Amino acid sequence: MFKFTTSIISILVRAPKKLIRSLSLATETMVNKLCAIFVLCVHIICSTGLKQNEPIVTVKQGKLQGAVATLHDGSSYYSFKGIPYAQPPVGPLRFRAPQPPQPWEGILNATEHRNVCAQFNLLARASAAEGSEDCLFLNVYSKSLQPSAKTPVMVYIHGGAYLSGSGNDDMYGPQFLLQHNVVLVTLNYRLEVLGFLCLDTPEVPGNAGMKDQVAAMKWVKENIAQFGGDPDNITLFGESAGASSVIYHMLSPMSQGLFHKAITQSGTSINDWAQGVNGKERAFKIGKHLGRDTKDPQELLDFLRSLPVSKLVRLTNVTLTPDEKYRGLPIHFAPVQEKKFPNVEAFLSENPLNLILSNKICSIPLMLGYNSAESIIMVQDRLKKQPIYNKTPSFDVPREIVDKINQEKLIEMGDRIKQFYVGNRDYSSEDLKEMVQLLSDLHFVYNTHRFAYLYSRHNSAIYMYRFNIETDLNIIKNMSGVDVAGVSHADELFYIFSTNMTKEDYESQEKIRDYVWRVTKMWTDFAKTGNPTPDSTLGVKWPQYTVANKEYLQIDETLTASKFADRASVEFWNKLYCEAGLPCISKSNL
């Protein structure tokens, strides 16, 4: 059609005026019709964004120019990167809640990613900060730019322990998901100190990074129709810290109405590592470390705002107590329970567990799960510290339990944990499998089950999974060098998002392409319908989770519906939580 209309206008432009004047009435009528057709075609082309490789979309803040890219099957999609969803949180806005984005003049180039949020480069050999404070950008990928398309939307929140990562397509490419016709949105949010400093003051109550996510979600709700997305069918999904973020949004009054379904991969809001504690005390430790020993929150805030951003990354370790160096994961700048202040909107002002128990959580379709050997990614670090844990096994007791029991009970529980995994001997390098199981159960498995149980008492439409596909796409495990069966933390991401690291394996191995298609079909079918297997295409029906049977789907080389994943481990840890007087899975439901 584009070639046809350009040919017509070319003929009309080149035609001599005398020839036009000599046309009969019938011919003039035909020419008029052709001109009308041309004008109509130009309108359609411009309105759908098919203007060569320069699609233009108008959002509330102005015009955006994106790019056209190609999926693996040869079809095209539209890519808009580096879209500002809030004002740069710099200068006096550092540590504050995000401010609404400002409009711009002209057409904003959205063909390339912009700054990632300031963070420590985990891959650099020497200490190195990267990124910027001016980082509140999101990316939109879609196969249609027609507002009438009403395509289901998936908004992804990246993991990274609340201290690293971004939404960029070097890790979160859209090609696998877009083959199922969804709109994908990825985003950046402030990290570690810059995103989660808490001074217990109206200006810095905490959770700035979570409020960044809310601002991005509001932007999506207001603008996604311009990218062909359906603002009334948005699925929020995330992995690790991103997964716990999703559940926080289910709890926060700030996020209500901004999404309609949720997927959480390897994380919940009730894990120790997902909850920041002693935020104000931690902030003053940072001040002292950086050269300002004060107990005045305003003085500390002024000092921290005066520093270059490079000084405000990789500071978690300087805030650790002796106990925190060995108990739990080193994630302490995380969502906090905010103090209430007049005229200050809090993201979270109550304990997340209490909110769940009192059913102050939005009831929406939920898909959640974990990988079969999550802690492959952290077992090498554990080995280095193993003499400490053999001497003091009570370091494996979760902080949540420690806060409820006395010292005698703490020692007794530590001994029971060690006995459960290795019997009457010390851990050694021969116990990689056992240590992976211990750390996986402690940091991921049990609390996924516990959350599913507590949430399901008031809500239905829950789908649990256990991911166990092992191929060349398991980048994290393959890089770890740990020879233990199972799937590491974050390995499932490479079956959901396209990356340059996996491009060759994906293109050369039909089996891998089949696994990717199946996984992404379930994820996108859930986003479309609230049911990950709405038809018989995959040859299995994913059963809904119930408290009685704890149904789940084993995602392996084959897909198998089963009941009560990792039952022995869950029952063991559940007994510890029950004994501590904490909300746990009822014995009648085990």
Protein backbone atom coordinates (compact mmCIF):
# COMPACT_ATOMS: atom_id res chain seq x y z
CA MET A 1 0.00 0.00 0.00
CA PHE A 2 2.85 2.41 0.82
CA LYS A 3 4.48 1.83 -2.60
CA PHE A 4 1.12 2.21 -4.35
CA THR A 5 0.30 5.58 -2.79
CA THR A 6 3.82 6.98 -3.33
CA SER A 7 3.59 5.96 -7.00
CA ILE A 8 0.32 7.86 -7.36
CA ILE A 9 1.65 11.06 -5.81
CA SER A 10 4.80 10.77 -7.91
CA ILE A 11 2.73 10.65 -11.10
CA LEU A 12 0.54 13.55 -9.99
CA VAL A 13 3.48 15.72 -9.03
CA ARG A 14 5.28 15.14 -12.33
CA ALA A 15 2.24 15.57 -14.61
CA PRO A 16 2.33 18.74 -16.78
CA LYS A 17 -0.30 21.36 -15.96
CA LYS A 18 -1.54 21.34 -19.60
CA LEU A 19 -2.24 17.61 -19.31
CA ILE A 20 -4.25 18.11 -16.17
CA ARG A 21 -6.26 20.91 -17.79
CA SER A 22 -7.07 18.74 -20.81
CA LEU A 23 -8.48 15.89 -18.75
CA SER A 24 -12.15 15.11 -19.26
CA LEU A 25 -14.59 15.49 -16.39
CA ALA A 26 -14.51 11.72 -15.87
CA THR A 27 -10.75 11.69 -15.73
CA GLU A 28 -10.73 14.62 -13.27
CA THR A 29 -13.17 12.69 -11.11
CA MET A 30 -10.88 9.66 -11.18
CA VAL A 31 -7.88 11.79 -10.26
CA ASN A 32 -9.82 13.35 -7.40
CA LYS A 33 -10.69 9.90 -6.11
CA LEU A 34 -7.07 8.78 -6.34
CA CYS A 35 -5.98 11.88 -4.47
CA ALA A 36 -8.57 11.16 -1.79
CA ILE A 37 -7.28 7.58 -1.54
CA PHE A 38 -3.75 8.91 -1.19
CA VAL A 39 -4.69 11.31 1.59
CA LEU A 40 -6.50 8.52 3.41
CA CYS A 41 -3.51 6.19 3.10
CA VAL A 42 -1.12 8.85 4.38
CA HIS A 43 -3.43 9.40 7.38
CA ILE A 44 -3.52 5.67 8.13
CA ILE A 45 0.24 5.34 7.79
CA CYS A 46 0.95 8.26 10.11
CA SER A 47 -1.66 7.30 12.68
CA THR A 48 -0.38 3.72 12.98
CA GLY A 49 3.24 4.79 13.24
CA LEU A 50 4.37 2.89 10.12
CA LYS A 51 6.36 5.90 8.97
CA GLN A 52 9.43 3.99 7.88
CA ASN A 53 11.57 3.51 11.02
CA GLU A 54 10.34 6.60 12.87
CA PRO A 55 7.06 5.82 14.65
CA ILE A 56 5.71 8.83 16.53
CA VAL A 57 3.48 8.50 19.59
CA THR A 58 1.93 11.33 21.56
CA VAL A 59 1.70 10.90 25.33
CA LYS A 60 0.52 13.37 27.95
CA GLN A 61 3.94 14.99 28.24
CA GLY A 62 4.66 15.32 24.50
CA LYS A 63 5.67 13.43 21.37
CA LEU A 64 8.00 10.43 21.34
CA GLN A 65 9.94 9.03 18.42
CA GLY A 66 10.61 5.31 18.66
CA ALA A 67 12.05 2.68 16.36
CA VAL A 68 10.89 -0.39 14.49
CA ALA A 69 12.61 -3.67 15.38
CA THR A 70 12.22 -7.29 14.31
CA LEU A 71 11.19 -10.39 16.23
CA HIS A 72 12.84 -13.77 15.70
CA ASP A 73 9.99 -14.82 13.39
CA GLY A 74 10.60 -11.84 11.13
CA SER A 75 7.59 -9.79 12.23
CA SER A 76 8.03 -6.20 13.40
CA TYR A 77 7.43 -4.44 16.67
CA TYR A 78 7.77 -0.90 17.99
CA SER A 79 10.37 0.04 20.56
CA PHE A 80 10.29 3.18 22.72
CA LYS A 81 13.16 3.47 25.19
CA GLY A 82 14.25 5.94 27.83
CA ILE A 83 10.84 7.54 28.40
CA PRO A 84 10.90 9.84 31.47
CA TYR A 85 8.09 8.97 33.87
CA ALA A 86 9.09 11.42 36.65
CA GLN A 87 11.32 14.42 37.14
CA PRO A 88 15.03 13.71 37.71
CA PRO A 89 15.40 13.19 41.50
CA VAL A 90 18.45 15.42 41.81
CA GLY A 91 19.48 18.32 44.05
CA PRO A 92 16.74 19.04 46.60
CA LEU A 93 14.71 16.12 45.13
CA ARG A 94 17.35 13.57 46.17
CA PHE A 95 15.76 10.98 48.54
CA ARG A 96 12.29 12.50 48.06
CA ALA A 97 9.25 10.85 46.51
CA PRO A 98 9.25 11.23 42.70
CA GLN A 99 7.65 14.31 41.20
CA PRO A 100 5.36 14.16 38.14
CA PRO A 101 7.12 14.32 34.76
CA GLN A 102 7.31 17.65 32.99
CA PRO A 103 6.18 18.18 29.39
CA TRP A 104 8.77 18.72 26.66
CA GLU A 105 8.92 20.68 23.44
CA GLY A 106 9.22 19.04 20.05
CA ILE A 107 9.77 15.31 19.60
CA LEU A 108 11.74 13.37 22.23
CA ASN A 109 14.08 10.73 20.84
CA ALA A 110 13.11 7.39 22.41
CA THR A 111 15.24 5.07 20.31
CA GLU A 112 17.95 4.34 22.88
CA HIS A 113 18.10 3.49 26.58
CA ARG A 114 19.11 6.32 28.88
CA ASN A 115 20.86 6.30 32.27
CA VAL A 116 20.51 3.35 34.61
CA CYS A 117 20.07 4.26 38.27
CA ALA A 118 23.24 4.83 40.28
CA GLN A 119 24.59 1.53 41.57
CA PHE A 120 27.72 -0.48 42.19
CA ASN A 121 28.89 -2.41 39.15
CA LEU A 122 28.84 -5.98 40.45
CA LEU A 123 30.86 -7.21 37.46
CA ALA A 124 33.72 -4.72 37.78
CA ARG A 125 36.95 -6.03 39.30
CA ALA A 126 37.65 -2.79 41.13
CA SER A 127 35.18 -0.73 43.07
CA ALA A 128 33.20 1.20 40.47
CA ALA A 129 29.97 3.16 40.57
CA GLU A 130 27.88 3.47 37.44
CA GLY A 131 24.66 5.11 36.46
CA SER A 132 23.09 8.40 37.43
CA GLU A 133 20.44 9.93 39.65
CA ASP A 134 18.68 11.10 36.49
CA CYS A 135 17.43 7.60 35.79
CA LEU A 136 13.65 7.45 36.12
CA PHE A 137 12.94 6.06 32.68
CA LEU A 138 10.82 3.25 31.30
CA ASN A 139 10.67 1.33 28.03
CA VAL A 140 7.64 0.24 26.00
CA TYR A 141 7.54 -2.50 23.37
CA SER A 142 4.43 -3.20 21.31
CA LYS A 143 3.35 -4.77 18.01
CA SER A 144 0.61 -2.17 17.45
CA LEU A 145 0.25 1.54 18.09
CA GLN A 146 -3.50 1.62 17.56
CA PRO A 147 -5.34 2.70 20.73
CA SER A 148 -8.19 0.45 19.65
CA ALA A 149 -5.93 -2.63 19.81
CA LYS A 150 -6.37 -2.93 23.61
CA THR A 151 -3.51 -5.40 23.89
CA PRO A 152 -2.85 -6.89 27.35
CA VAL A 153 0.01 -5.11 29.14
CA MET A 154 2.82 -6.66 31.19
CA VAL A 155 4.84 -4.31 33.44
CA TYR A 156 8.09 -5.83 34.70
CA ILE A 157 9.99 -4.84 37.87
CA HIS A 158 13.60 -6.00 37.82
CA GLY A 159 15.36 -7.76 40.67
CA GLY A 160 18.84 -7.13 42.01
CA ALA A 161 18.52 -7.06 45.80
CA TYR A 162 17.15 -3.49 45.69
CA LEU A 163 20.70 -2.33 44.95
CA SER A 164 21.43 -3.16 41.30
CA GLY A 165 19.87 -3.68 37.89
CA SER A 166 17.78 -1.80 35.35
CA GLY A 167 14.97 -2.39 32.87
CA ASN A 168 17.28 -2.27 29.85
CA ASP A 169 17.00 -4.83 27.08
CA ASP A 170 20.54 -6.16 27.49
CA MET A 171 18.90 -8.33 30.16
CA TYR A 172 15.18 -7.89 29.53
CA GLY A 173 14.68 -8.05 25.79
CA PRO A 174 11.03 -8.18 24.66
CA GLN A 175 11.20 -10.61 21.73
CA PHE A 176 10.08 -13.80 23.53
CA LEU A 177 7.03 -12.22 25.16
CA LEU A 178 5.94 -10.12 22.18
CA GLN A 179 5.58 -13.18 19.99
CA HIS A 180 2.39 -13.80 22.04
CA ASN A 181 1.02 -10.31 21.33
CA VAL A 182 1.33 -8.41 24.59
CA VAL A 183 2.69 -4.95 25.36
CA LEU A 184 5.81 -5.08 27.57
CA VAL A 185 6.94 -2.26 29.85
CA THR A 186 10.23 -2.36 31.77
CA LEU A 187 11.48 0.33 34.14
CA ASN A 188 14.24 1.73 36.33
CA TYR A 189 13.80 2.75 39.97
CA ARG A 190 16.19 4.22 42.54
CA LEU A 191 18.32 1.69 44.39
CA GLU A 192 19.97 1.08 47.76
CA VAL A 193 20.62 4.31 49.72
CA LEU A 194 19.27 6.63 47.03
CA GLY A 195 16.04 4.65 46.80
CA PHE A 196 15.53 3.37 50.33
CA LEU A 197 17.09 5.82 52.79
CA CYS A 198 14.77 6.26 55.77
CA LEU A 199 15.12 9.13 58.23
CA ASP A 200 11.64 8.82 59.76
CA THR A 201 10.92 12.40 58.70
CA PRO A 202 8.14 13.81 56.50
CA GLU A 203 10.67 14.62 53.78
CA VAL A 204 12.44 11.22 53.86
CA PRO A 205 10.08 8.63 55.36
CA GLY A 206 11.55 5.86 53.19
CA ASN A 207 10.44 3.85 50.17
CA ALA A 208 11.37 6.40 47.49
CA GLY A 209 12.28 3.52 45.19
CA MET A 210 8.86 1.93 45.66
CA LYS A 211 7.20 5.28 44.98
CA ASP A 212 9.24 5.45 41.76
CA GLN A 213 7.61 2.18 40.75
CA VAL A 214 4.17 3.61 41.55
CA ALA A 215 4.94 6.69 39.44
CA ALA A 216 5.90 4.43 36.53
CA MET A 217 2.68 2.44 36.96
CA LYS A 218 0.64 5.65 36.94
CA TRP A 219 2.37 6.73 33.75
CA VAL A 220 1.54 3.37 32.17
CA LYS A 221 -2.11 3.61 33.23
CA GLU A 222 -2.40 7.09 31.70
CA ASN A 223 -0.46 6.56 28.48
CA ILE A 224 -0.30 2.89 27.49
CA ALA A 225 -3.35 3.09 25.21
CA GLN A 226 -1.25 5.23 22.84
CA PHE A 227 1.02 2.20 22.40
CA GLY A 228 -1.88 -0.16 21.69
CA GLY A 229 -2.09 -1.33 25.31
CA ASP A 230 -5.20 -1.91 27.40
CA PRO A 231 -5.08 0.24 30.56
CA ASP A 232 -7.74 -2.02 32.07
CA ASN A 233 -5.71 -5.22 31.63
CA ILE A 234 -2.29 -4.70 33.22
CA THR A 235 -0.25 -7.49 34.78
CA LEU A 236 2.54 -6.53 37.18
CA PHE A 237 5.36 -9.06 37.36
CA GLY A 238 8.83 -9.25 38.80
CA GLU A 239 11.65 -11.49 39.98
CA SER A 240 13.46 -11.62 43.33
CA ALA A 241 13.38 -8.06 44.75
CA GLY A 242 11.04 -7.30 41.85
CA ALA A 243 8.75 -10.13 42.98
CA SER A 244 8.60 -8.85 46.55
CA SER A 245 7.92 -5.39 45.08
CA VAL A 246 4.90 -6.77 43.24
CA ILE A 247 3.41 -8.06 46.49
CA TYR A 248 4.14 -4.75 48.20
CA HIS A 249 2.07 -3.09 45.47
CA MET A 250 -0.74 -5.52 46.28
CA LEU A 251 -0.53 -4.19 49.85
CA SER A 252 0.01 -0.48 49.25
CA PRO A 253 -2.92 1.93 48.96
CA MET A 254 -0.81 4.01 46.56
CA SER A 255 -0.87 1.23 43.96
CA GLN A 256 -4.52 0.24 44.01
CA GLY A 257 -6.27 0.28 40.63
CA LEU A 258 -3.01 0.48 38.70
CA PHE A 259 -2.80 -3.24 37.83
CA HIS A 260 -5.12 -6.22 37.61
CA LYS A 261 -3.01 -9.40 37.87
CA ALA A 262 0.33 -10.29 39.44
CA ILE A 263 3.22 -12.70 38.82
CA THR A 264 5.94 -13.12 41.45
CA GLN A 265 9.07 -15.11 40.65
CA SER A 266 11.30 -16.13 43.58
CA GLY A 267 10.27 -13.59 46.18
CA THR A 268 7.58 -12.33 48.55
CA SER A 269 7.18 -9.36 50.88
CA ILE A 270 7.35 -11.57 53.98
CA ASN A 271 10.93 -12.73 53.42
CA ASP A 272 13.43 -11.24 55.87
CA TRP A 273 15.50 -9.94 52.97
CA ALA A 274 12.54 -7.98 51.57
CA GLN A 275 11.99 -5.89 54.70
CA GLY A 276 14.15 -3.01 55.81
CA VAL A 277 14.57 -2.55 59.55
CA ASN A 278 16.26 0.08 61.73
CA GLY A 279 16.33 2.48 58.80
CA LYS A 280 17.08 5.65 60.76
CA GLU A 281 19.90 4.03 62.71
CA ARG A 282 21.34 2.68 59.45
CA ALA A 283 21.22 6.16 57.92
CA PHE A 284 23.28 7.66 60.73
CA LYS A 285 25.86 4.89 60.31
CA ILE A 286 26.24 5.94 56.70
CA GLY A 287 26.70 9.55 57.73
CA LYS A 288 29.44 8.60 60.16
CA HIS A 289 31.17 6.41 57.58
CA LEU A 290 31.14 9.26 55.06
CA GLY A 291 32.44 11.84 57.52
CA ARG A 292 29.46 13.38 59.29
CA ASP A 293 28.84 11.95 62.78
CA THR A 294 25.53 13.49 63.79
CA LYS A 295 22.22 12.52 65.31
CA ASP A 296 20.32 15.37 63.68
CA PRO A 297 18.24 14.06 60.72
CA GLN A 298 18.19 17.42 58.92
CA GLU A 299 21.94 17.88 59.28
CA LEU A 300 22.47 14.38 57.95
CA LEU A 301 20.10 14.99 55.03
CA ASP A 302 21.84 18.23 54.07
CA PHE A 303 25.21 16.47 54.24
CA LEU A 304 24.12 13.49 52.12
CA ARG A 305 22.62 15.83 49.52
CA SER A 306 25.93 17.66 49.27
CA LEU A 307 27.86 14.56 48.25
CA PRO A 308 28.49 13.37 44.69
CA VAL A 309 26.27 10.46 43.74
CA SER A 310 29.29 8.15 43.43
CA LYS A 311 29.70 8.31 47.23
CA LEU A 312 26.17 6.97 47.81
CA VAL A 313 26.45 3.47 46.36
CA ARG A 314 27.63 0.20 47.90
CA LEU A 315 27.09 1.34 51.47
CA THR A 316 25.01 -1.54 52.84
CA ASN A 317 27.97 -3.37 54.35
CA VAL A 318 29.07 -0.42 56.50
CA THR A 319 25.69 -0.49 58.25
CA LEU A 320 25.68 -4.16 59.23
CA THR A 321 25.57 -5.26 62.85
CA PRO A 322 27.76 -8.23 63.88
CA ASP A 323 24.65 -10.42 63.73
CA GLU A 324 23.64 -9.16 60.27
CA LYS A 325 27.00 -10.15 58.81
CA TYR A 326 25.99 -13.79 59.07
CA ARG A 327 22.23 -13.90 59.50
CA GLY A 328 20.18 -13.67 56.32
CA LEU A 329 21.07 -12.00 53.04
CA PRO A 330 22.97 -8.69 52.90
CA ILE A 331 19.91 -6.72 51.77
CA HIS A 332 19.01 -3.98 54.22
CA PHE A 333 18.05 -0.96 52.13
CA ALA A 334 14.63 -2.28 51.25
CA PRO A 335 10.95 -1.33 51.75
CA VAL A 336 10.19 -0.13 55.28
CA GLN A 337 7.12 0.47 57.37
CA GLU A 338 6.80 4.26 57.21
CA LYS A 339 5.86 6.53 60.07
CA LYS A 340 2.66 8.44 59.40
CA PHE A 341 2.91 12.19 58.88
CA PRO A 342 0.19 14.75 58.05
CA ASN A 343 -0.15 15.45 54.33
CA VAL A 344 2.44 12.80 53.43
CA GLU A 345 1.20 9.84 51.41
CA ALA A 346 2.80 6.65 52.71
CA PHE A 347 3.57 3.70 50.49
CA LEU A 348 3.44 1.29 53.43
CA SER A 349 2.51 2.22 56.99
CA GLU A 350 1.71 -1.20 58.47
CA ASN A 351 3.58 -4.46 58.83
CA PRO A 352 3.14 -6.44 55.58
CA LEU A 353 2.38 -9.67 57.41
CA ASN A 354 -0.36 -7.99 59.47
CA LEU A 355 -1.87 -6.52 56.31
CA ILE A 356 -2.04 -9.98 54.74
CA LEU A 357 -3.57 -11.51 57.86
CA SER A 358 -6.23 -8.82 58.03
CA ASN A 359 -6.90 -9.21 54.29
CA LYS A 360 -5.79 -5.67 53.50
CA ILE A 361 -4.37 -6.90 50.24
CA CYS A 362 -5.95 -6.58 46.83
CA SER A 363 -7.64 -9.74 45.62
CA ILE A 364 -6.42 -10.37 42.07
CA PRO A 365 -5.31 -13.42 40.08
CA LEU A 366 -1.81 -14.36 41.26
CA MET A 367 0.88 -16.61 39.82
CA LEU A 368 3.87 -17.32 42.06
CA GLY A 369 6.70 -19.77 42.38
CA TYR A 370 10.40 -20.46 42.65
CA ASN A 371 13.26 -22.35 41.04
CA SER A 372 14.32 -25.84 42.08
CA ALA A 373 17.81 -24.90 43.35
CA GLU A 374 17.59 -21.15 43.98
CA SER A 375 20.70 -20.85 46.11
CA ILE A 376 23.21 -22.18 43.62
CA ILE A 377 23.97 -18.50 43.10
CA MET A 378 25.04 -17.99 46.73
CA VAL A 379 26.50 -21.31 47.86
CA GLN A 380 30.12 -20.41 47.06
CA ASP A 381 29.94 -17.47 49.44
CA ARG A 382 28.44 -19.76 52.05
CA LEU A 383 31.36 -22.16 51.70
CA LYS A 384 33.82 -19.38 52.54
CA LYS A 385 31.97 -18.69 55.79
CA GLN A 386 31.12 -22.30 56.59
CA PRO A 387 33.33 -22.56 59.72
CA ILE A 388 31.24 -19.77 61.27
CA TYR A 389 27.98 -21.62 60.60
CA ASN A 390 29.34 -24.92 61.87
CA LYS A 391 30.36 -23.20 65.10
CA THR A 392 27.14 -21.16 65.37
CA PRO A 393 24.37 -22.90 63.39
CA SER A 394 21.82 -20.57 64.98
CA PHE A 395 22.82 -17.99 62.34
CA ASP A 396 20.53 -19.98 60.03
CA VAL A 397 17.49 -19.09 62.13
CA PRO A 398 15.54 -16.33 60.32
CA ARG A 399 15.45 -12.86 61.87
CA GLU A 400 11.67 -13.01 62.08
CA ILE A 401 11.92 -16.02 64.41
CA VAL A 402 14.89 -14.63 66.37
CA ASP A 403 12.80 -11.62 67.36
CA LYS A 404 10.25 -13.95 69.02
CA ILE A 405 12.38 -16.44 70.97
CA ASN A 406 14.97 -16.49 73.76
CA GLN A 407 18.65 -17.38 73.43
CA GLU A 408 18.18 -20.97 74.61
CA LYS A 409 15.50 -21.62 72.02
CA LEU A 410 17.61 -19.94 69.34
CA ILE A 411 20.52 -22.31 69.96
CA GLU A 412 18.19 -25.30 69.98
CA MET A 413 16.59 -24.31 66.67
CA GLY A 414 19.99 -23.78 65.05
CA ASP A 415 21.01 -27.29 66.02
CA ARG A 416 17.77 -28.70 64.61
CA ILE A 417 18.32 -26.97 61.28
CA LYS A 418 21.82 -28.38 60.97
CA GLN A 419 20.57 -31.84 61.96
CA PHE A 420 17.82 -31.71 59.32
CA TYR A 421 20.22 -31.01 56.46
CA VAL A 422 23.47 -32.86 57.35
CA GLY A 423 22.71 -34.95 60.41
CA ASN A 424 25.29 -35.29 63.22
CA ARG A 425 28.25 -33.79 61.35
CA ASP A 426 29.55 -30.43 60.22
CA TYR A 427 28.91 -28.93 56.81
CA SER A 428 31.81 -29.38 54.37
CA SER A 429 32.63 -28.83 50.69
CA GLU A 430 31.08 -32.26 50.09
CA ASP A 431 27.68 -30.90 51.10
CA LEU A 432 27.00 -28.51 48.22
CA LYS A 433 23.64 -30.12 47.51
CA GLU A 434 22.59 -29.90 51.15
CA MET A 435 23.70 -26.30 51.49
CA VAL A 436 21.90 -25.30 48.31
CA GLN A 437 18.75 -26.93 49.66
CA LEU A 438 19.13 -25.23 53.04
CA LEU A 439 19.62 -21.75 51.62
CA SER A 440 16.88 -22.22 49.04
CA ASP A 441 14.39 -23.31 51.68
CA LEU A 442 15.43 -20.53 54.05
CA HIS A 443 15.37 -17.64 51.59
CA PHE A 444 12.78 -18.66 48.99
CA VAL A 445 10.89 -21.95 49.25
CA TYR A 446 9.20 -21.82 52.65
CA ASN A 447 7.99 -18.23 52.52
CA THR A 448 6.59 -18.72 49.02
CA HIS A 449 4.45 -21.55 50.42
CA ARG A 450 3.64 -19.58 53.55
CA PHE A 451 2.54 -16.53 51.59
CA ALA A 452 0.44 -18.65 49.21
CA TYR A 453 -1.29 -20.24 52.17
CA LEU A 454 -1.98 -16.96 54.00
CA TYR A 455 -3.16 -15.18 50.85
CA SER A 456 -5.34 -18.05 49.66
CA ARG A 457 -7.43 -18.07 52.83
CA HIS A 458 -9.17 -14.94 51.55
CA ASN A 459 -8.44 -15.06 47.83
CA SER A 460 -8.74 -17.53 44.97
CA ALA A 461 -7.20 -17.82 41.50
CA ILE A 462 -3.69 -18.60 42.74
CA TYR A 463 -1.31 -20.59 40.55
CA MET A 464 1.96 -21.94 42.00
CA TYR A 465 4.92 -23.27 40.00
CA ARG A 466 8.30 -24.90 40.54
CA PHE A 467 10.74 -24.22 37.70
CA ASN A 468 13.21 -26.99 36.80
CA ILE A 469 14.21 -26.67 33.13
CA GLU A 470 17.97 -27.10 32.59
CA THR A 471 19.53 -26.16 29.24
CA ASP A 472 22.26 -23.87 27.91
CA LEU A 473 19.93 -20.98 28.74
CA ASN A 474 20.60 -21.46 32.46
CA ILE A 475 23.25 -18.74 32.40
CA ILE A 476 23.52 -18.17 36.17
CA LYS A 477 24.02 -21.83 37.00
CA ASN A 478 26.39 -22.42 34.11
CA MET A 479 28.55 -19.48 35.19
CA SER A 480 28.54 -20.54 38.86
CA GLY A 481 30.51 -23.72 38.33
CA VAL A 482 28.41 -25.43 41.00
CA ASP A 483 27.71 -29.04 40.06
CA VAL A 484 24.32 -29.51 41.70
CA ALA A 485 21.13 -30.55 39.97
CA GLY A 486 18.44 -27.91 39.63
CA VAL A 487 17.81 -24.36 38.46
CA SER A 488 19.53 -21.38 40.06
CA HIS A 489 18.00 -18.12 41.18
CA ALA A 490 17.25 -15.92 38.13
CA ASP A 491 17.80 -18.71 35.57
CA GLU A 492 14.13 -18.70 34.55
CA LEU A 493 14.55 -15.15 33.29
CA PHE A 494 16.40 -16.38 30.22
CA TYR A 495 13.29 -18.34 29.17
CA ILE A 496 11.15 -15.19 29.45
CA PHE A 497 13.41 -12.41 28.13
CA SER A 498 15.69 -12.39 25.10
CA THR A 499 19.34 -11.42 25.58
CA ASN A 500 22.47 -11.34 23.43
CA MET A 501 23.99 -13.90 25.81
CA THR A 502 21.42 -16.51 24.81
CA LYS A 503 20.74 -15.50 21.20
CA GLU A 504 22.98 -18.15 19.63
CA ASP A 505 21.62 -21.00 21.77
CA TYR A 506 18.05 -19.91 21.12
CA GLU A 507 18.50 -19.73 17.37
CA SER A 508 20.46 -22.97 17.04
CA GLN A 509 18.49 -25.29 19.35
CA GLU A 510 14.90 -26.17 18.52
CA LYS A 511 14.37 -27.71 21.95
CA ILE A 512 15.27 -24.41 23.63
CA ARG A 513 12.91 -22.50 21.35
CA ASP A 514 10.13 -24.89 22.32
CA TYR A 515 10.78 -24.41 26.05
CA VAL A 516 10.82 -20.62 25.64
CA TRP A 517 7.58 -20.68 23.70
CA ARG A 518 5.83 -22.82 26.33
CA VAL A 519 7.02 -20.72 29.28
CA THR A 520 6.17 -17.41 27.67
CA LYS A 521 2.80 -18.72 26.49
CA MET A 522 1.84 -19.54 30.09
CA TRP A 523 3.06 -16.17 31.36
CA THR A 524 1.25 -14.23 28.63
CA ASP A 525 -1.92 -16.34 28.76
CA PHE A 526 -2.10 -15.54 32.46
CA ALA A 527 -1.66 -11.84 31.62
CA LYS A 528 -4.44 -12.06 29.04
CA THR A 529 -6.98 -14.17 30.94
CA GLY A 530 -5.90 -14.70 34.56
CA ASN A 531 -5.39 -18.39 33.73
CA PRO A 532 -1.95 -19.65 32.56
CA THR A 533 -3.48 -22.60 30.67
CA PRO A 534 -6.86 -21.40 29.37
CA ASP A 535 -6.91 -24.00 26.57
CA SER A 536 -5.44 -27.41 25.73
CA THR A 537 -2.53 -26.15 23.59
CA LEU A 538 0.14 -27.20 26.09
CA GLY A 539 -1.50 -30.52 26.93
CA VAL A 540 -1.80 -29.75 30.63
CA LYS A 541 -4.18 -27.91 32.89
CA TRP A 542 -2.44 -25.86 35.55
CA PRO A 543 -4.56 -26.41 38.68
CA GLN A 544 -5.37 -23.60 41.06
CA TYR A 545 -3.64 -23.70 44.44
CA THR A 546 -5.81 -24.69 47.40
CA VAL A 547 -4.89 -24.79 51.09
CA ALA A 548 -5.92 -28.43 51.25
CA ASN A 549 -3.78 -29.80 48.41
CA LYS A 550 -1.26 -27.04 47.57
CA GLU A 551 -1.45 -27.76 43.86
CA TYR A 552 1.36 -26.54 41.62
CA LEU A 553 2.82 -27.00 38.14
CA GLN A 554 6.24 -28.57 37.77
CA ILE A 555 7.81 -26.72 34.84
CA ASP A 556 10.33 -29.23 33.56
CA GLU A 557 11.14 -30.74 30.19
CA THR A 558 7.51 -31.73 30.49
CA LEU A 559 4.74 -29.87 32.31
CA THR A 560 3.27 -31.84 35.20
CA ALA A 561 0.48 -30.87 37.59
CA SER A 562 1.22 -32.09 41.11
CA LYS A 563 0.63 -31.39 44.80
CA PHE A 564 2.70 -29.86 47.63
CA ALA A 565 6.14 -29.10 46.24
CA ASP A 566 9.13 -29.68 48.56
CA ARG A 567 6.79 -30.95 51.26
CA ALA A 568 9.40 -32.23 53.73
CA SER A 569 11.29 -28.95 53.79
CA VAL A 570 8.14 -26.85 54.07
CA GLU A 571 6.83 -28.93 56.98
CA PHE A 572 10.18 -28.67 58.78
CA TRP A 573 10.39 -24.87 58.53
CA ASN A 574 6.72 -24.46 59.24
CA LYS A 575 7.16 -26.17 62.59
CA LEU A 576 9.87 -23.65 63.55
CA TYR A 577 7.67 -20.69 62.65
CA CYS A 578 4.69 -22.15 64.51
CA GLU A 579 6.80 -22.78 67.62
CA ALA A 580 7.91 -19.14 67.57
CA GLY A 581 4.26 -18.10 67.67
CA LEU A 582 4.36 -16.66 64.14
CA PRO A 583 1.60 -16.99 61.54
CA CYS A 584 2.25 -20.27 59.76
CA ILE A 585 0.52 -22.99 57.79
CA SER A 586 -2.11 -24.66 59.95
CA LYS A 587 -1.29 -28.25 60.94
CA SER A 588 -4.70 -29.28 59.63
CA ASN A 589 -3.58 -28.11 56.17
CA LEU A 590 -0.28 -30.01 56.10
